[in-house]
Amino acid sequence: MKLLTTITLASALTISGYTAAISFGDLVDSATKVKDKVDKNPALWTGYTYEEERAIGKQLAGSILGASKLVDDAKLQSYVNLIGRWLASQSERPDIDWVFGVIESDSINAFAAPGGYILLTSGLYRRLDNEAQLAAILGHEIAHITKKHHLDLIRKSSLVNEGSNLVKSQSSGKAGMADDFVQNLIGNGAEIMARGLDKSSEYEADRVGMMLAAKSGYTPLGIAEVVTKLAEKPPVGGTMELLKSTHPSPAQRLEEIDEALGKNLERRIDQPSLESRFASHALK
């Protein structure tokens, strides 16, 4: 709480079906080749180094920025980065290079890419009333990165694809598989980000995000306020990706949020929302 008040907010950023018969010998051979492929890319089993994680996230964040540019407001970008980095400093991965940004889009959404890249849309930012709500959203996305939700799915999907590609090559009589491993990871990551995570990952991100907000000095009710606000008054003619496409229903989320409050967080609900400071960084 004391630390929060001392922050200076400077203004400166199916495998598809196939009919070809495969002998047991071919299957054993295929399994051996999959093992060889995994041995050459141990991240498929053991996870990624931070450098690998960062490279994947940079490509994914870049693809988003290729479609929607950053809002041209240095003061706003600096503000969001300061809040985001303060929250991230309370997380289990405080030392990675966190980058936050607001992109130009009327959609209601936020994105977390592996390695510390977090983007939210101007459409979502405009719907917020206070800094605690902003902190709740950033905390939720930080949790996706600290818990490696996207990265774990990318790894699992890539392992399946290695086996799938090899079976396809065997059934079609082609030898070998594509060697561009990183591009395969990036492709899987883009697909996962588009379709969203499972409910358990979203619930965990809500819980962790609430804890980060509370530890950072904000009321932990910010995420409940955002979910309620968007559910009660959806944007006219806009999209609702945050609530409909990639997240559980508002009712389900609010039920989980209420349960997660518990005694520890209930004691912190009177921590500030900082409406006036947020208002001074309104998006024009």
Protein backbone atom coordinates (compact mmCIF):
# COMPACT_ATOMS: atom_id res chain seq x y z
CA MET A 1 0.00 0.00 0.00
CA LYS A 2 2.77 2.39 0.95
CA LEU A 3 4.76 1.43 -2.12
CA LEU A 4 1.77 2.02 -4.38
CA THR A 5 1.31 5.58 -3.17
CA THR A 6 4.99 6.37 -3.83
CA ILE A 7 4.90 5.41 -7.50
CA THR A 8 5.63 8.40 -9.72
CA LEU A 9 3.50 8.10 -12.81
CA ALA A 10 5.86 9.80 -15.26
CA SER A 11 4.65 10.68 -18.73
CA ALA A 12 7.19 9.26 -21.14
CA LEU A 13 5.62 3.78 -23.99
CA THR A 14 -7.98 -34.10 -36.35
CA ILE A 15 -5.13 -35.04 -37.26
CA SER A 16 -6.98 -35.48 -40.61
CA GLY A 17 -8.24 -38.97 -41.55
CA TYR A 18 -6.21 -41.14 -43.86
CA THR A 19 -6.74 -44.56 -45.47
CA ALA A 20 -3.23 -45.76 -46.23
CA ALA A 21 -2.29 -48.90 -44.32
CA ILE A 22 0.75 -48.64 -42.05
CA SER A 23 2.52 -51.80 -40.92
CA PHE A 24 3.57 -52.42 -37.33
CA GLY A 25 7.15 -52.08 -38.51
CA ASP A 26 6.37 -48.66 -39.94
CA LEU A 27 4.73 -47.62 -36.68
CA VAL A 28 7.80 -48.62 -34.68
CA ASP A 29 9.97 -46.75 -37.17
CA SER A 30 7.68 -43.72 -36.90
CA ALA A 31 7.84 -43.77 -33.12
CA THR A 32 11.63 -43.88 -33.29
CA LYS A 33 11.70 -40.88 -35.61
CA VAL A 34 9.36 -38.92 -33.34
CA LYS A 35 11.68 -39.69 -30.42
CA ASP A 36 14.66 -38.53 -32.48
CA LYS A 37 12.81 -35.30 -33.32
CA VAL A 38 11.97 -34.71 -29.67
CA ASP A 39 15.56 -35.47 -28.65
CA LYS A 40 16.71 -32.72 -31.01
CA ASN A 41 14.09 -30.34 -29.57
CA PRO A 42 14.01 -31.17 -25.83
CA ALA A 43 11.74 -28.20 -25.15
CA LEU A 44 8.88 -30.38 -26.42
CA TRP A 45 9.19 -32.39 -23.19
CA THR A 46 10.96 -30.20 -20.70
CA GLY A 47 9.79 -26.68 -21.50
CA TYR A 48 11.54 -23.68 -22.98
CA THR A 49 14.37 -21.47 -21.88
CA TYR A 50 13.41 -17.86 -21.27
CA GLU A 51 15.17 -16.87 -24.49
CA GLU A 52 13.04 -19.36 -26.45
CA GLU A 53 9.90 -18.25 -24.64
CA ARG A 54 10.73 -14.62 -25.38
CA ALA A 55 11.35 -15.33 -29.08
CA ILE A 56 7.97 -17.05 -29.43
CA GLY A 57 6.19 -14.25 -27.57
CA LYS A 58 7.89 -11.55 -29.62
CA GLN A 59 6.67 -13.12 -32.85
CA LEU A 60 3.13 -13.52 -31.51
CA ALA A 61 2.98 -9.96 -30.15
CA GLY A 62 4.38 -8.73 -33.45
CA SER A 63 1.59 -10.44 -35.35
CA ILE A 64 -0.98 -8.61 -33.22
CA LEU A 65 0.79 -5.28 -33.74
CA GLY A 66 0.89 -5.99 -37.45
CA ALA A 67 -2.90 -5.93 -37.45
CA SER A 68 -3.47 -3.19 -34.85
CA LYS A 69 -0.91 -0.50 -34.10
CA LEU A 70 -0.14 0.98 -30.70
CA VAL A 71 -2.20 3.99 -29.65
CA ASP A 72 -0.15 7.11 -30.40
CA ASP A 73 -0.10 8.50 -26.86
CA ALA A 74 3.26 8.31 -25.09
CA LYS A 75 1.81 9.44 -21.76
CA LEU A 76 -0.83 6.70 -21.83
CA GLN A 77 1.63 3.98 -22.85
CA SER A 78 4.05 5.02 -20.10
CA TYR A 79 1.24 4.96 -17.54
CA VAL A 80 0.08 1.47 -18.53
CA ASN A 81 3.67 0.19 -18.51
CA LEU A 82 4.28 1.64 -15.05
CA ILE A 83 1.16 0.03 -13.61
CA GLY A 84 1.89 -3.25 -15.37
CA ARG A 85 5.49 -3.44 -14.23
CA TRP A 86 4.54 -2.59 -10.66
CA LEU A 87 2.04 -5.47 -10.69
CA ALA A 88 4.57 -7.79 -12.32
CA SER A 89 7.11 -6.95 -9.62
CA GLN A 90 4.73 -8.62 -7.14
CA SER A 91 4.50 -11.78 -9.26
CA GLU A 92 6.54 -14.99 -9.21
CA ARG A 93 8.46 -13.78 -12.29
CA PRO A 94 9.43 -10.21 -11.39
CA ASP A 95 12.73 -10.17 -13.25
CA ILE A 96 11.67 -10.85 -16.84
CA ASP A 97 11.43 -8.00 -19.33
CA TRP A 98 7.75 -7.04 -19.13
CA VAL A 99 6.26 -4.91 -21.92
CA PHE A 100 2.73 -3.49 -21.91
CA GLY A 101 0.80 -1.58 -24.53
CA VAL A 102 -2.61 -0.32 -25.64
CA ILE A 103 -3.48 -1.03 -29.26
CA GLU A 104 -6.00 0.67 -31.51
CA SER A 105 -9.06 -1.56 -31.73
CA ASP A 106 -12.73 -1.19 -30.88
CA SER A 107 -12.89 -4.81 -29.77
CA ILE A 108 -12.98 -5.68 -26.07
CA ASN A 109 -9.91 -7.79 -25.49
CA ALA A 110 -6.51 -8.23 -23.92
CA PHE A 111 -3.64 -10.49 -24.96
CA ALA A 112 -0.73 -12.13 -23.16
CA ALA A 113 2.15 -13.53 -25.23
CA PRO A 114 4.89 -15.70 -23.68
CA GLY A 115 7.95 -13.94 -22.38
CA GLY A 116 6.25 -10.87 -20.91
CA TYR A 117 4.29 -9.18 -23.72
CA ILE A 118 0.84 -7.85 -22.77
CA LEU A 119 -1.50 -5.81 -24.97
CA LEU A 120 -5.01 -4.51 -24.36
CA THR A 121 -7.32 -2.85 -26.82
CA SER A 122 -8.37 0.78 -26.72
CA GLY A 123 -11.96 -0.49 -26.77
CA LEU A 124 -11.41 -2.24 -23.47
CA TYR A 125 -9.41 0.61 -21.93
CA ARG A 126 -12.22 3.07 -22.66
CA ARG A 127 -14.68 0.90 -20.73
CA LEU A 128 -12.70 1.12 -17.50
CA ASP A 129 -13.52 3.50 -14.66
CA ASN A 130 -10.49 3.32 -12.41
CA GLU A 131 -6.93 2.13 -11.98
CA ALA A 132 -7.94 -0.93 -9.95
CA GLN A 133 -9.89 -2.22 -12.95
CA LEU A 134 -6.88 -1.67 -15.19
CA ALA A 135 -4.70 -3.45 -12.63
CA ALA A 136 -7.15 -6.36 -12.56
CA ILE A 137 -6.93 -6.85 -16.32
CA LEU A 138 -3.15 -6.50 -16.40
CA GLY A 139 -2.85 -8.84 -13.41
CA HIS A 140 -5.00 -11.44 -15.18
CA GLU A 141 -2.75 -11.32 -18.26
CA ILE A 142 0.41 -11.36 -16.14
CA ALA A 143 -0.89 -14.57 -14.55
CA HIS A 144 -1.23 -16.22 -17.96
CA ILE A 145 2.49 -15.59 -18.48
CA THR A 146 3.74 -16.48 -15.01
CA LYS A 147 1.72 -19.71 -15.07
CA LYS A 148 2.82 -20.35 -18.68
CA HIS A 149 -0.72 -21.15 -19.79
CA HIS A 150 -0.15 -20.39 -23.47
CA LEU A 151 3.38 -21.79 -23.49
CA ASP A 152 2.30 -25.15 -22.07
CA LEU A 153 -0.43 -25.47 -24.68
CA ILE A 154 2.01 -24.54 -27.45
CA ARG A 155 4.41 -27.23 -26.23
CA LYS A 156 1.72 -29.91 -26.07
CA SER A 157 0.30 -28.93 -29.44
CA SER A 158 3.76 -28.97 -31.01
CA LEU A 159 4.45 -32.46 -29.68
CA VAL A 160 1.20 -33.72 -31.18
CA ASN A 161 2.02 -32.02 -34.47
CA GLU A 162 5.45 -33.65 -34.67
CA GLY A 163 3.82 -37.08 -34.43
CA SER A 164 1.01 -36.08 -36.79
CA ASN A 165 3.40 -34.76 -39.42
CA LEU A 166 5.50 -37.90 -39.29
CA VAL A 167 2.50 -40.22 -39.64
CA LYS A 168 1.33 -38.17 -42.62
CA SER A 169 4.76 -38.37 -44.22
CA GLN A 170 4.86 -42.15 -43.69
CA SER A 171 1.38 -42.69 -45.14
CA SER A 172 2.16 -40.55 -48.18
CA GLY A 173 5.55 -42.12 -48.79
CA LYS A 174 7.43 -38.90 -48.04
CA ALA A 175 10.53 -39.02 -45.92
CA GLY A 176 11.18 -36.66 -43.04
CA MET A 177 9.33 -33.65 -41.61
CA ALA A 178 9.60 -29.90 -41.88
CA ASP A 179 12.63 -28.70 -39.95
CA ASP A 180 11.39 -25.20 -39.19
CA PHE A 181 10.62 -25.96 -35.56
CA VAL A 182 10.29 -22.36 -34.36
CA GLN A 183 7.77 -21.51 -37.08
CA ASN A 184 5.73 -24.52 -36.00
CA LEU A 185 5.72 -23.21 -32.44
CA ILE A 186 4.67 -19.74 -33.57
CA GLY A 187 1.87 -21.16 -35.71
CA ASN A 188 0.57 -23.20 -32.80
CA GLY A 189 0.80 -20.16 -30.55
CA ALA A 190 -1.21 -17.99 -32.93
CA GLU A 191 -3.92 -20.63 -33.13
CA ILE A 192 -4.06 -21.00 -29.34
CA MET A 193 -4.26 -17.24 -28.81
CA ALA A 194 -7.09 -17.02 -31.35
CA ARG A 195 -9.20 -19.77 -29.83
CA GLY A 196 -8.40 -18.99 -26.19
CA LEU A 197 -7.50 -21.06 -23.15
CA ASP A 198 -9.59 -23.50 -21.16
CA LYS A 199 -11.78 -22.40 -18.26
CA SER A 200 -9.42 -23.62 -15.56
CA SER A 201 -6.63 -21.40 -16.91
CA GLU A 202 -8.94 -18.39 -17.01
CA TYR A 203 -10.14 -19.01 -13.45
CA GLU A 204 -6.56 -19.34 -12.25
CA ALA A 205 -5.63 -16.10 -14.01
CA ASP A 206 -8.52 -14.33 -12.27
CA ARG A 207 -7.39 -15.64 -8.87
CA VAL A 208 -3.73 -14.78 -9.37
CA GLY A 209 -4.61 -11.40 -10.88
CA MET A 210 -6.71 -10.54 -7.83
CA MET A 211 -3.82 -11.45 -5.54
CA LEU A 212 -1.40 -9.31 -7.55
CA ALA A 213 -3.77 -6.35 -7.45
CA ALA A 214 -4.23 -6.69 -3.70
CA LYS A 215 -0.48 -7.06 -3.06
CA SER A 216 0.09 -3.97 -5.20
CA GLY A 217 -2.26 -1.89 -3.05
CA TYR A 218 -5.50 -1.99 -5.07
CA THR A 219 -8.89 -3.32 -4.12
CA PRO A 220 -9.13 -6.91 -5.39
CA LEU A 221 -12.67 -6.22 -6.63
CA GLY A 222 -11.46 -4.71 -9.92
CA ILE A 223 -11.90 -7.88 -11.97
CA ALA A 224 -15.44 -8.42 -10.67
CA GLU A 225 -16.28 -4.82 -11.57
CA VAL A 226 -14.98 -5.28 -15.11
CA VAL A 227 -16.81 -8.56 -15.70
CA THR A 228 -20.06 -7.12 -14.29
CA LYS A 229 -19.76 -3.89 -16.26
CA LEU A 230 -19.22 -5.59 -19.61
CA ALA A 231 -21.93 -8.16 -18.98
CA GLU A 232 -24.55 -5.58 -17.98
CA LYS A 233 -23.78 -3.08 -20.71
CA PRO A 234 -22.08 -4.67 -23.72
CA PRO A 235 -20.75 -2.27 -26.35
CA VAL A 236 -23.16 -1.36 -29.12
CA GLY A 237 -22.05 -2.79 -32.45
CA GLY A 238 -18.79 -3.99 -30.94
CA THR A 239 -17.29 -7.36 -30.30
CA MET A 240 -17.06 -9.04 -26.93
CA GLU A 241 -14.09 -11.36 -27.30
CA LEU A 242 -13.05 -10.98 -23.69
CA LEU A 243 -16.33 -12.40 -22.39
CA LYS A 244 -17.66 -14.57 -25.21
CA SER A 245 -14.81 -16.03 -27.22
CA THR A 246 -11.94 -16.77 -24.91
CA HIS A 247 -13.40 -16.67 -21.40
CA PRO A 248 -16.04 -18.47 -19.33
CA SER A 249 -19.45 -16.84 -18.97
CA PRO A 250 -19.66 -13.77 -16.71
CA ALA A 251 -21.84 -15.69 -14.24
CA GLN A 252 -19.30 -18.49 -13.98
CA ARG A 253 -16.42 -16.08 -13.56
CA LEU A 254 -18.18 -14.05 -10.88
CA GLU A 255 -18.98 -17.22 -8.94
CA GLU A 256 -15.32 -18.28 -9.03
CA ILE A 257 -14.15 -14.76 -8.17
CA ASP A 258 -16.47 -14.61 -5.16
CA GLU A 259 -15.12 -17.93 -3.91
CA ALA A 260 -11.53 -16.83 -4.48
CA LEU A 261 -11.94 -13.67 -2.41
CA GLY A 262 -11.73 -15.65 0.80
CA LYS A 263 -10.74 -14.16 4.12
CA ASN A 264 -7.33 -12.87 3.05
CA LEU A 265 -8.61 -10.82 0.13
CA GLU A 266 -11.81 -9.72 1.86
CA ARG A 267 -9.65 -7.79 4.30
CA ARG A 268 -8.30 -5.77 1.37
CA ILE A 269 -11.49 -4.83 -0.45
CA ASP A 270 -11.32 -1.31 0.99
CA GLN A 271 -7.97 -0.63 -0.67
CA PRO A 272 -8.22 2.18 -3.24
CA SER A 273 -9.48 2.14 -6.82
CA LEU A 274 -7.73 5.42 -7.77
CA GLU A 275 -10.43 6.85 -10.03
CA SER A 276 -8.95 10.33 -10.29
CA ARG A 277 -5.48 9.16 -11.29
CA PHE A 278 -6.96 6.90 -13.95
CA ALA A 279 -9.13 9.76 -15.20
CA SER A 280 -6.02 11.88 -15.73
CA HIS A 281 -4.86 9.24 -18.21
CA ALA A 282 -8.12 8.93 -20.11
CA LEU A 283 -7.85 7.78 -23.70
CA LYS A 284 -8.86 10.57 -26.02
